[in-house]
Amino acid sequence: MANLLDWNTLHHKVQAYLDPENGIDKPQKAFPILMVATLLNVSDEEAEDAITDGSMDRGVDAVYVDDRDGRNSIHIFQFK
């Protein structure tokens, strides 16, 4: 179970992803990028390109097609 130290670590990582000049002006926008980059071990740019969050996203917040290692894997994310 997560504790206060875990929460603080996550909070600081999300804060580091904030970039108002590029439209990442809220933690809610930074968190998905951090998670995709971290979970899939991809660059921040690749993670940001995977974000689909918007009014017409049908509940899907990110999609990443991973063709590394000669296999195609589709990762679909929904964040709350």
PDB file of N, CA and C in Angstrom:
ATOM      1  N   MET A   1       0.845  -1.177   0.000  1.00  0.00           N
ATOM      2  CA  MET A   1       0.000   0.000   0.000  1.00  0.00           C
ATOM      3  C   MET A   1       0.891   1.241   0.000  1.00  0.00           C
ATOM      4  N   ALA A   2       0.471   2.242  -0.748  1.00  0.00           N
ATOM      5  CA  ALA A   2       1.239   3.486  -0.832  1.00  0.00           C
ATOM      6  C   ALA A   2       1.194   4.234   0.495  1.00  0.00           C
ATOM      7  N   ASN A   3       2.290   4.899   0.799  1.00  0.00           N
ATOM      8  CA  ASN A   3       2.350   5.701   2.017  1.00  0.00           C
ATOM      9  C   ASN A   3       2.650   7.153   1.650  1.00  0.00           C
ATOM     10  N   LEU A   4       2.814   8.000   2.636  1.00  0.00           N
ATOM     11  CA  LEU A   4       3.044   9.421   2.398  1.00  0.00           C
ATOM     12  C   LEU A   4       4.329   9.662   1.613  1.00  0.00           C
ATOM     13  N   LEU A   5       5.347   8.881   1.873  1.00  0.00           N
ATOM     14  CA  LEU A   5       6.603   9.021   1.136  1.00  0.00           C
ATOM     15  C   LEU A   5       6.392   8.713  -0.350  1.00  0.00           C
ATOM     16  N   ASP A   6       5.623   7.670  -0.642  1.00  0.00           N
ATOM     17  CA  ASP A   6       5.302   7.338  -2.032  1.00  0.00           C
ATOM     18  C   ASP A   6       4.544   8.486  -2.697  1.00  0.00           C
ATOM     19  N   TRP A   7       3.565   9.033  -1.997  1.00  0.00           N
ATOM     20  CA  TRP A   7       2.779  10.144  -2.523  1.00  0.00           C
ATOM     21  C   TRP A   7       3.682  11.338  -2.814  1.00  0.00           C
ATOM     22  N   ASN A   8       4.577  11.675  -1.898  1.00  0.00           N
ATOM     23  CA  ASN A   8       5.475  12.812  -2.105  1.00  0.00           C
ATOM     24  C   ASN A   8       6.396  12.587  -3.296  1.00  0.00           C
ATOM     25  N   THR A   9       6.896  11.377  -3.450  1.00  0.00           N
ATOM     26  CA  THR A   9       7.755  11.058  -4.589  1.00  0.00           C
ATOM     27  C   THR A   9       6.994  11.239  -5.895  1.00  0.00           C
ATOM     28  N   LEU A  10       5.789  10.711  -5.956  1.00  0.00           N
ATOM     29  CA  LEU A  10       4.963  10.851  -7.154  1.00  0.00           C
ATOM     30  C   LEU A  10       4.638  12.314  -7.423  1.00  0.00           C
ATOM     31  N   HIS A  11       4.291  13.044  -6.380  1.00  0.00           N
ATOM     32  CA  HIS A  11       3.970  14.467  -6.529  1.00  0.00           C
ATOM     33  C   HIS A  11       5.142  15.233  -7.148  1.00  0.00           C
ATOM     34  N   HIS A  12       6.339  14.981  -6.673  1.00  0.00           N
ATOM     35  CA  HIS A  12       7.518  15.678  -7.201  1.00  0.00           C
ATOM     36  C   HIS A  12       7.803  15.288  -8.649  1.00  0.00           C
ATOM     37  N   LYS A  13       7.587  14.034  -8.991  1.00  0.00           N
ATOM     38  CA  LYS A  13       7.793  13.604 -10.377  1.00  0.00           C
ATOM     39  C   LYS A  13       6.780  14.258 -11.308  1.00  0.00           C
ATOM     40  N   VAL A  14       5.529  14.343 -10.875  1.00  0.00           N
ATOM     41  CA  VAL A  14       4.502  15.004 -11.684  1.00  0.00           C
ATOM     42  C   VAL A  14       4.842  16.479 -11.853  1.00  0.00           C
ATOM     43  N   GLN A  15       5.265  17.133 -10.789  1.00  0.00           N
ATOM     44  CA  GLN A  15       5.630  18.546 -10.866  1.00  0.00           C
ATOM     45  C   GLN A  15       6.749  18.773 -11.876  1.00  0.00           C
ATOM     46  N   ALA A  16       7.677  17.833 -11.974  1.00  0.00           N
ATOM     47  CA  ALA A  16       8.789  17.967 -12.919  1.00  0.00           C
ATOM     48  C   ALA A  16       8.312  17.890 -14.369  1.00  0.00           C
ATOM     49  N   TYR A  17       7.164  17.288 -14.606  1.00  0.00           N
ATOM     50  CA  TYR A  17       6.627  17.163 -15.959  1.00  0.00           C
ATOM     51  C   TYR A  17       5.791  18.370 -16.378  1.00  0.00           C
ATOM     52  N   LEU A  18       5.486  19.251 -15.457  1.00  0.00           N
ATOM     53  CA  LEU A  18       4.709  20.438 -15.807  1.00  0.00           C
ATOM     54  C   LEU A  18       5.516  21.315 -16.759  1.00  0.00           C
ATOM     55  N   ASP A  19       4.862  21.750 -17.835  1.00  0.00           N
ATOM     56  CA  ASP A  19       5.507  22.583 -18.851  1.00  0.00           C
ATOM     57  C   ASP A  19       4.443  23.489 -19.470  1.00  0.00           C
ATOM     58  N   PRO A  20       4.089  24.584 -18.780  1.00  0.00           N
ATOM     59  CA  PRO A  20       3.004  25.446 -19.235  1.00  0.00           C
ATOM     60  C   PRO A  20       3.178  25.966 -20.667  1.00  0.00           C
ATOM     61  N   GLU A  21       4.416  26.170 -21.088  1.00  0.00           N
ATOM     62  CA  GLU A  21       4.650  26.678 -22.444  1.00  0.00           C
ATOM     63  C   GLU A  21       4.203  25.686 -23.512  1.00  0.00           C
ATOM     64  N   ASN A  22       4.143  24.413 -23.164  1.00  0.00           N
ATOM     65  CA  ASN A  22       3.716  23.379 -24.108  1.00  0.00           C
ATOM     66  C   ASN A  22       2.346  22.803 -23.771  1.00  0.00           C
ATOM     67  N   GLY A  23       1.570  23.532 -22.966  1.00  0.00           N
ATOM     68  CA  GLY A  23       0.208  23.122 -22.665  1.00  0.00           C
ATOM     69  C   GLY A  23       0.060  22.131 -21.528  1.00  0.00           C
ATOM     70  N   ILE A  24       1.155  21.762 -20.895  1.00  0.00           N
ATOM     71  CA  ILE A  24       1.087  20.838 -19.751  1.00  0.00           C
ATOM     72  C   ILE A  24       1.126  21.700 -18.499  1.00  0.00           C
ATOM     73  N   ASP A  25      -0.015  22.312 -18.214  1.00  0.00           N
ATOM     74  CA  ASP A  25      -0.078  23.327 -17.173  1.00  0.00           C
ATOM     75  C   ASP A  25      -0.745  22.859 -15.883  1.00  0.00           C
ATOM     76  N   LYS A  26      -1.211  21.604 -15.869  1.00  0.00           N
ATOM     77  CA  LYS A  26      -1.874  21.065 -14.685  1.00  0.00           C
ATOM     78  C   LYS A  26      -1.323  19.674 -14.398  1.00  0.00           C
ATOM     79  N   PRO A  27      -1.305  19.285 -13.123  1.00  0.00           N
ATOM     80  CA  PRO A  27      -0.863  17.924 -12.801  1.00  0.00           C
ATOM     81  C   PRO A  27      -1.675  16.850 -13.528  1.00  0.00           C
ATOM     82  N   GLN A  28      -2.955  17.137 -13.786  1.00  0.00           N
ATOM     83  CA  GLN A  28      -3.806  16.173 -14.481  1.00  0.00           C
ATOM     84  C   GLN A  28      -3.320  15.910 -15.902  1.00  0.00           C
ATOM     85  N   LYS A  29      -2.612  16.850 -16.492  1.00  0.00           N
ATOM     86  CA  LYS A  29      -2.052  16.655 -17.831  1.00  0.00           C
ATOM     87  C   LYS A  29      -0.667  16.022 -17.771  1.00  0.00           C
ATOM     88  N   ALA A  30       0.060  16.271 -16.709  1.00  0.00           N
ATOM     89  CA  ALA A  30       1.419  15.737 -16.571  1.00  0.00           C
ATOM     90  C   ALA A  30       1.415  14.272 -16.141  1.00  0.00           C
ATOM     91  N   PHE A  31       0.469  13.888 -15.304  1.00  0.00           N
ATOM     92  CA  PHE A  31       0.437  12.528 -14.760  1.00  0.00           C
ATOM     93  C   PHE A  31       0.388  11.443 -15.842  1.00  0.00           C
ATOM     94  N   PRO A  32      -0.499  11.543 -16.842  1.00  0.00           N
ATOM     95  CA  PRO A  32      -0.524  10.485 -17.861  1.00  0.00           C
ATOM     96  C   PRO A  32       0.792  10.349 -18.626  1.00  0.00           C
ATOM     97  N   ILE A  33       1.439  11.453 -18.905  1.00  0.00           N
ATOM     98  CA  ILE A  33       2.720  11.402 -19.617  1.00  0.00           C
ATOM     99  C   ILE A  33       3.754  10.681 -18.767  1.00  0.00           C
ATOM    100  N   LEU A  34       3.816  11.034 -17.493  1.00  0.00           N
ATOM    101  CA  LEU A  34       4.742  10.375 -16.572  1.00  0.00           C
ATOM    102  C   LEU A  34       4.466   8.876 -16.507  1.00  0.00           C
ATOM    103  N   MET A  35       3.213   8.496 -16.399  1.00  0.00           N
ATOM    104  CA  MET A  35       2.868   7.083 -16.261  1.00  0.00           C
ATOM    105  C   MET A  35       3.196   6.288 -17.518  1.00  0.00           C
ATOM    106  N   VAL A  36       2.838   6.811 -18.689  1.00  0.00           N
ATOM    107  CA  VAL A  36       3.140   6.096 -19.931  1.00  0.00           C
ATOM    108  C   VAL A  36       4.650   5.955 -20.093  1.00  0.00           C
ATOM    109  N   ALA A  37       5.392   7.040 -19.873  1.00  0.00           N
ATOM    110  CA  ALA A  37       6.853   6.997 -20.008  1.00  0.00           C
ATOM    111  C   ALA A  37       7.469   6.000 -19.035  1.00  0.00           C
ATOM    112  N   THR A  38       6.982   5.997 -17.811  1.00  0.00           N
ATOM    113  CA  THR A  38       7.546   5.129 -16.776  1.00  0.00           C
ATOM    114  C   THR A  38       7.163   3.665 -16.981  1.00  0.00           C
ATOM    115  N   LEU A  39       5.894   3.405 -17.201  1.00  0.00           N
ATOM    116  CA  LEU A  39       5.423   2.023 -17.322  1.00  0.00           C
ATOM    117  C   LEU A  39       5.943   1.322 -18.572  1.00  0.00           C
ATOM    118  N   LEU A  40       6.082   2.081 -19.667  1.00  0.00           N
ATOM    119  CA  LEU A  40       6.511   1.470 -20.924  1.00  0.00           C
ATOM    120  C   LEU A  40       7.988   1.694 -21.225  1.00  0.00           C
ATOM    121  N   ASN A  41       8.662   2.451 -20.361  1.00  0.00           N
ATOM    122  CA  ASN A  41      10.081   2.738 -20.559  1.00  0.00           C
ATOM    123  C   ASN A  41      10.333   3.364 -21.932  1.00  0.00           C
ATOM    124  N   VAL A  42       9.574   4.428 -22.230  1.00  0.00           N
ATOM    125  CA  VAL A  42       9.729   5.169 -23.479  1.00  0.00           C
ATOM    126  C   VAL A  42      10.092   6.609 -23.147  1.00  0.00           C
ATOM    127  N   SER A  43      10.497   7.354 -24.159  1.00  0.00           N
ATOM    128  CA  SER A  43      10.868   8.751 -23.945  1.00  0.00           C
ATOM    129  C   SER A  43       9.635   9.580 -23.598  1.00  0.00           C
ATOM    130  N   ASP A  44       9.875  10.730 -23.010  1.00  0.00           N
ATOM    131  CA  ASP A  44       8.775  11.636 -22.674  1.00  0.00           C
ATOM    132  C   ASP A  44       8.023  12.052 -23.932  1.00  0.00           C
ATOM    133  N   GLU A  45       8.747  12.255 -25.030  1.00  0.00           N
ATOM    134  CA  GLU A  45       8.122  12.654 -26.287  1.00  0.00           C
ATOM    135  C   GLU A  45       7.201  11.553 -26.817  1.00  0.00           C
ATOM    136  N   GLU A  46       7.659  10.306 -26.750  1.00  0.00           N
ATOM    137  CA  GLU A  46       6.819   9.191 -27.184  1.00  0.00           C
ATOM    138  C   GLU A  46       5.585   9.074 -26.299  1.00  0.00           C
ATOM    139  N   ALA A  47       5.769   9.259 -25.016  1.00  0.00           N
ATOM    140  CA  ALA A  47       4.648   9.189 -24.076  1.00  0.00           C
ATOM    141  C   ALA A  47       3.639  10.292 -24.367  1.00  0.00           C
ATOM    142  N   GLU A  48       4.130  11.492 -24.605  1.00  0.00           N
ATOM    143  CA  GLU A  48       3.226  12.611 -24.893  1.00  0.00           C
ATOM    144  C   GLU A  48       2.460  12.372 -26.191  1.00  0.00           C
ATOM    145  N   ASP A  49       3.116  11.792 -27.192  1.00  0.00           N
ATOM    146  CA  ASP A  49       2.440  11.482 -28.456  1.00  0.00           C
ATOM    147  C   ASP A  49       1.346  10.435 -28.280  1.00  0.00           C
ATOM    148  N   ALA A  50       1.441   9.611 -27.257  1.00  0.00           N
ATOM    149  CA  ALA A  50       0.457   8.554 -27.019  1.00  0.00           C
ATOM    150  C   ALA A  50      -0.821   9.070 -26.361  1.00  0.00           C
ATOM    151  N   ILE A  51      -0.780  10.275 -25.819  1.00  0.00           N
ATOM    152  CA  ILE A  51      -1.934  10.815 -25.095  1.00  0.00           C
ATOM    153  C   ILE A  51      -3.060  11.142 -26.072  1.00  0.00           C
ATOM    154  N   THR A  52      -4.265  10.652 -25.776  1.00  0.00           N
ATOM    155  CA  THR A  52      -5.436  10.891 -26.625  1.00  0.00           C
ATOM    156  C   THR A  52      -6.533  11.622 -25.870  1.00  0.00           C
ATOM    157  N   ASP A  53      -6.282  11.970 -24.643  1.00  0.00           N
ATOM    158  CA  ASP A  53      -7.300  12.539 -23.766  1.00  0.00           C
ATOM    159  C   ASP A  53      -7.940  13.774 -24.388  1.00  0.00           C
ATOM    160  N   GLY A  54      -9.241  13.779 -24.425  1.00  0.00           N
ATOM    161  CA  GLY A  54      -9.987  14.911 -24.960  1.00  0.00           C
ATOM    162  C   GLY A  54     -11.470  14.597 -24.925  1.00  0.00           C
ATOM    163  N   SER A  55     -12.264  15.493 -25.453  1.00  0.00           N
ATOM    164  CA  SER A  55     -13.715  15.332 -25.366  1.00  0.00           C
ATOM    165  C   SER A  55     -14.240  14.191 -26.239  1.00  0.00           C
ATOM    166  N   MET A  56     -13.498  13.774 -27.239  1.00  0.00           N
ATOM    167  CA  MET A  56     -13.951  12.721 -28.152  1.00  0.00           C
ATOM    168  C   MET A  56     -13.110  11.445 -28.022  1.00  0.00           C
ATOM    169  N   ASP A  57     -12.499  11.221 -26.868  1.00  0.00           N
ATOM    170  CA  ASP A  57     -11.572  10.088 -26.717  1.00  0.00           C
ATOM    171  C   ASP A  57     -12.254   8.765 -26.372  1.00  0.00           C
ATOM    172  N   ARG A  58     -13.565   8.788 -26.152  1.00  0.00           N
ATOM    173  CA  ARG A  58     -14.340   7.588 -25.818  1.00  0.00           C
ATOM    174  C   ARG A  58     -13.788   6.854 -24.606  1.00  0.00           C
ATOM    175  N   GLY A  59     -13.232   7.605 -23.664  1.00  0.00           N
ATOM    176  CA  GLY A  59     -12.751   7.025 -22.417  1.00  0.00           C
ATOM    177  C   GLY A  59     -11.320   6.526 -22.450  1.00  0.00           C
ATOM    178  N   VAL A  60     -10.657   6.651 -23.592  1.00  0.00           N
ATOM    179  CA  VAL A  60      -9.266   6.213 -23.713  1.00  0.00           C
ATOM    180  C   VAL A  60      -8.371   7.437 -23.571  1.00  0.00           C
ATOM    181  N   ASP A  61      -7.458   7.398 -22.612  1.00  0.00           N
ATOM    182  CA  ASP A  61      -6.598   8.550 -22.358  1.00  0.00           C
ATOM    183  C   ASP A  61      -5.245   8.461 -23.044  1.00  0.00           C
ATOM    184  N   ALA A  62      -4.811   7.251 -23.377  1.00  0.00           N
ATOM    185  CA  ALA A  62      -3.545   7.086 -24.094  1.00  0.00           C
ATOM    186  C   ALA A  62      -3.547   5.741 -24.807  1.00  0.00           C
ATOM    187  N   VAL A  63      -2.919   5.728 -25.982  1.00  0.00           N
ATOM    188  CA  VAL A  63      -2.733   4.495 -26.749  1.00  0.00           C
ATOM    189  C   VAL A  63      -1.297   4.483 -27.238  1.00  0.00           C
ATOM    190  N   TYR A  64      -0.612   3.382 -26.991  1.00  0.00           N
ATOM    191  CA  TYR A  64       0.774   3.253 -27.449  1.00  0.00           C
ATOM    192  C   TYR A  64       0.933   1.908 -28.142  1.00  0.00           C
ATOM    193  N   VAL A  65       1.378   1.944 -29.399  1.00  0.00           N
ATOM    194  CA  VAL A  65       1.669   0.723 -30.142  1.00  0.00           C
ATOM    195  C   VAL A  65       3.163   0.476 -30.014  1.00  0.00           C
ATOM    196  N   ASP A  66       3.494  -0.605 -29.360  1.00  0.00           N
ATOM    197  CA  ASP A  66       4.888  -0.942 -29.063  1.00  0.00           C
ATOM    198  C   ASP A  66       5.355  -2.006 -30.050  1.00  0.00           C
ATOM    199  N   ASP A  67       6.248  -1.611 -30.944  1.00  0.00           N
ATOM    200  CA  ASP A  67       6.760  -2.572 -31.920  1.00  0.00           C
ATOM    201  C   ASP A  67       8.213  -2.943 -31.641  1.00  0.00           C
ATOM    202  N   ARG A  68       8.646  -2.709 -30.422  1.00  0.00           N
ATOM    203  CA  ARG A  68       9.996  -3.106 -30.038  1.00  0.00           C
ATOM    204  C   ARG A  68      10.061  -4.622 -29.931  1.00  0.00           C
ATOM    205  N   ASP A  69      11.221  -5.145 -30.047  1.00  0.00           N
ATOM    206  CA  ASP A  69      11.463  -6.588 -29.915  1.00  0.00           C
ATOM    207  C   ASP A  69      10.741  -7.414 -30.976  1.00  0.00           C
ATOM    208  N   GLY A  70      10.389  -6.786 -32.100  1.00  0.00           N
ATOM    209  CA  GLY A  70       9.763  -7.526 -33.187  1.00  0.00           C
ATOM    210  C   GLY A  70       8.334  -7.964 -32.942  1.00  0.00           C
ATOM    211  N   ARG A  71       7.710  -7.466 -31.890  1.00  0.00           N
ATOM    212  CA  ARG A  71       6.322  -7.811 -31.588  1.00  0.00           C
ATOM    213  C   ARG A  71       5.508  -6.526 -31.553  1.00  0.00           C
ATOM    214  N   ASN A  72       4.265  -6.624 -31.932  1.00  0.00           N
ATOM    215  CA  ASN A  72       3.363  -5.482 -31.809  1.00  0.00           C
ATOM    216  C   ASN A  72       2.471  -5.691 -30.598  1.00  0.00           C
ATOM    217  N   SER A  73       2.553  -4.764 -29.669  1.00  0.00           N
ATOM    218  CA  SER A  73       1.688  -4.773 -28.490  1.00  0.00           C
ATOM    219  C   SER A  73       0.983  -3.437 -28.432  1.00  0.00           C
ATOM    220  N   ILE A  74      -0.302  -3.465 -28.181  1.00  0.00           N
ATOM    221  CA  ILE A  74      -1.078  -2.237 -28.063  1.00  0.00           C
ATOM    222  C   ILE A  74      -1.408  -2.034 -26.591  1.00  0.00           C
ATOM    223  N   HIS A  75      -0.998  -0.887 -26.070  1.00  0.00           N
ATOM    224  CA  HIS A  75      -1.250  -0.537 -24.672  1.00  0.00           C
ATOM    225  C   HIS A  75      -2.304   0.563 -24.648  1.00  0.00           C
ATOM    226  N   ILE A  76      -3.390   0.324 -23.954  1.00  0.00           N
ATOM    227  CA  ILE A  76      -4.482   1.290 -23.838  1.00  0.00           C
ATOM    228  C   ILE A  76      -4.591   1.687 -22.375  1.00  0.00           C
ATOM    229  N   PHE A  77      -4.618   2.999 -22.134  1.00  0.00           N
ATOM    230  CA  PHE A  77      -4.643   3.523 -20.769  1.00  0.00           C
ATOM    231  C   PHE A  77      -5.903   4.340 -20.523  1.00  0.00           C
ATOM    232  N   GLN A  78      -6.404   4.224 -19.303  1.00  0.00           N
ATOM    233  CA  GLN A  78      -7.449   5.109 -18.808  1.00  0.00           C
ATOM    234  C   GLN A  78      -7.049   5.521 -17.399  1.00  0.00           C
ATOM    235  N   PHE A  79      -6.970   6.818 -17.186  1.00  0.00           N
ATOM    236  CA  PHE A  79      -6.564   7.348 -15.884  1.00  0.00           C
ATOM    237  C   PHE A  79      -7.758   7.993 -15.205  1.00  0.00           C
ATOM    238  N   LYS A  80      -7.817   7.865 -13.899  1.00  0.00           N
ATOM    239  CA  LYS A  80      -8.880   8.503 -13.106  1.00  0.00           C
ATOM    240  C   LYS A  80      -8.271   9.431 -12.107  1.00  0.00           C
TER     241      LYS A  80
END
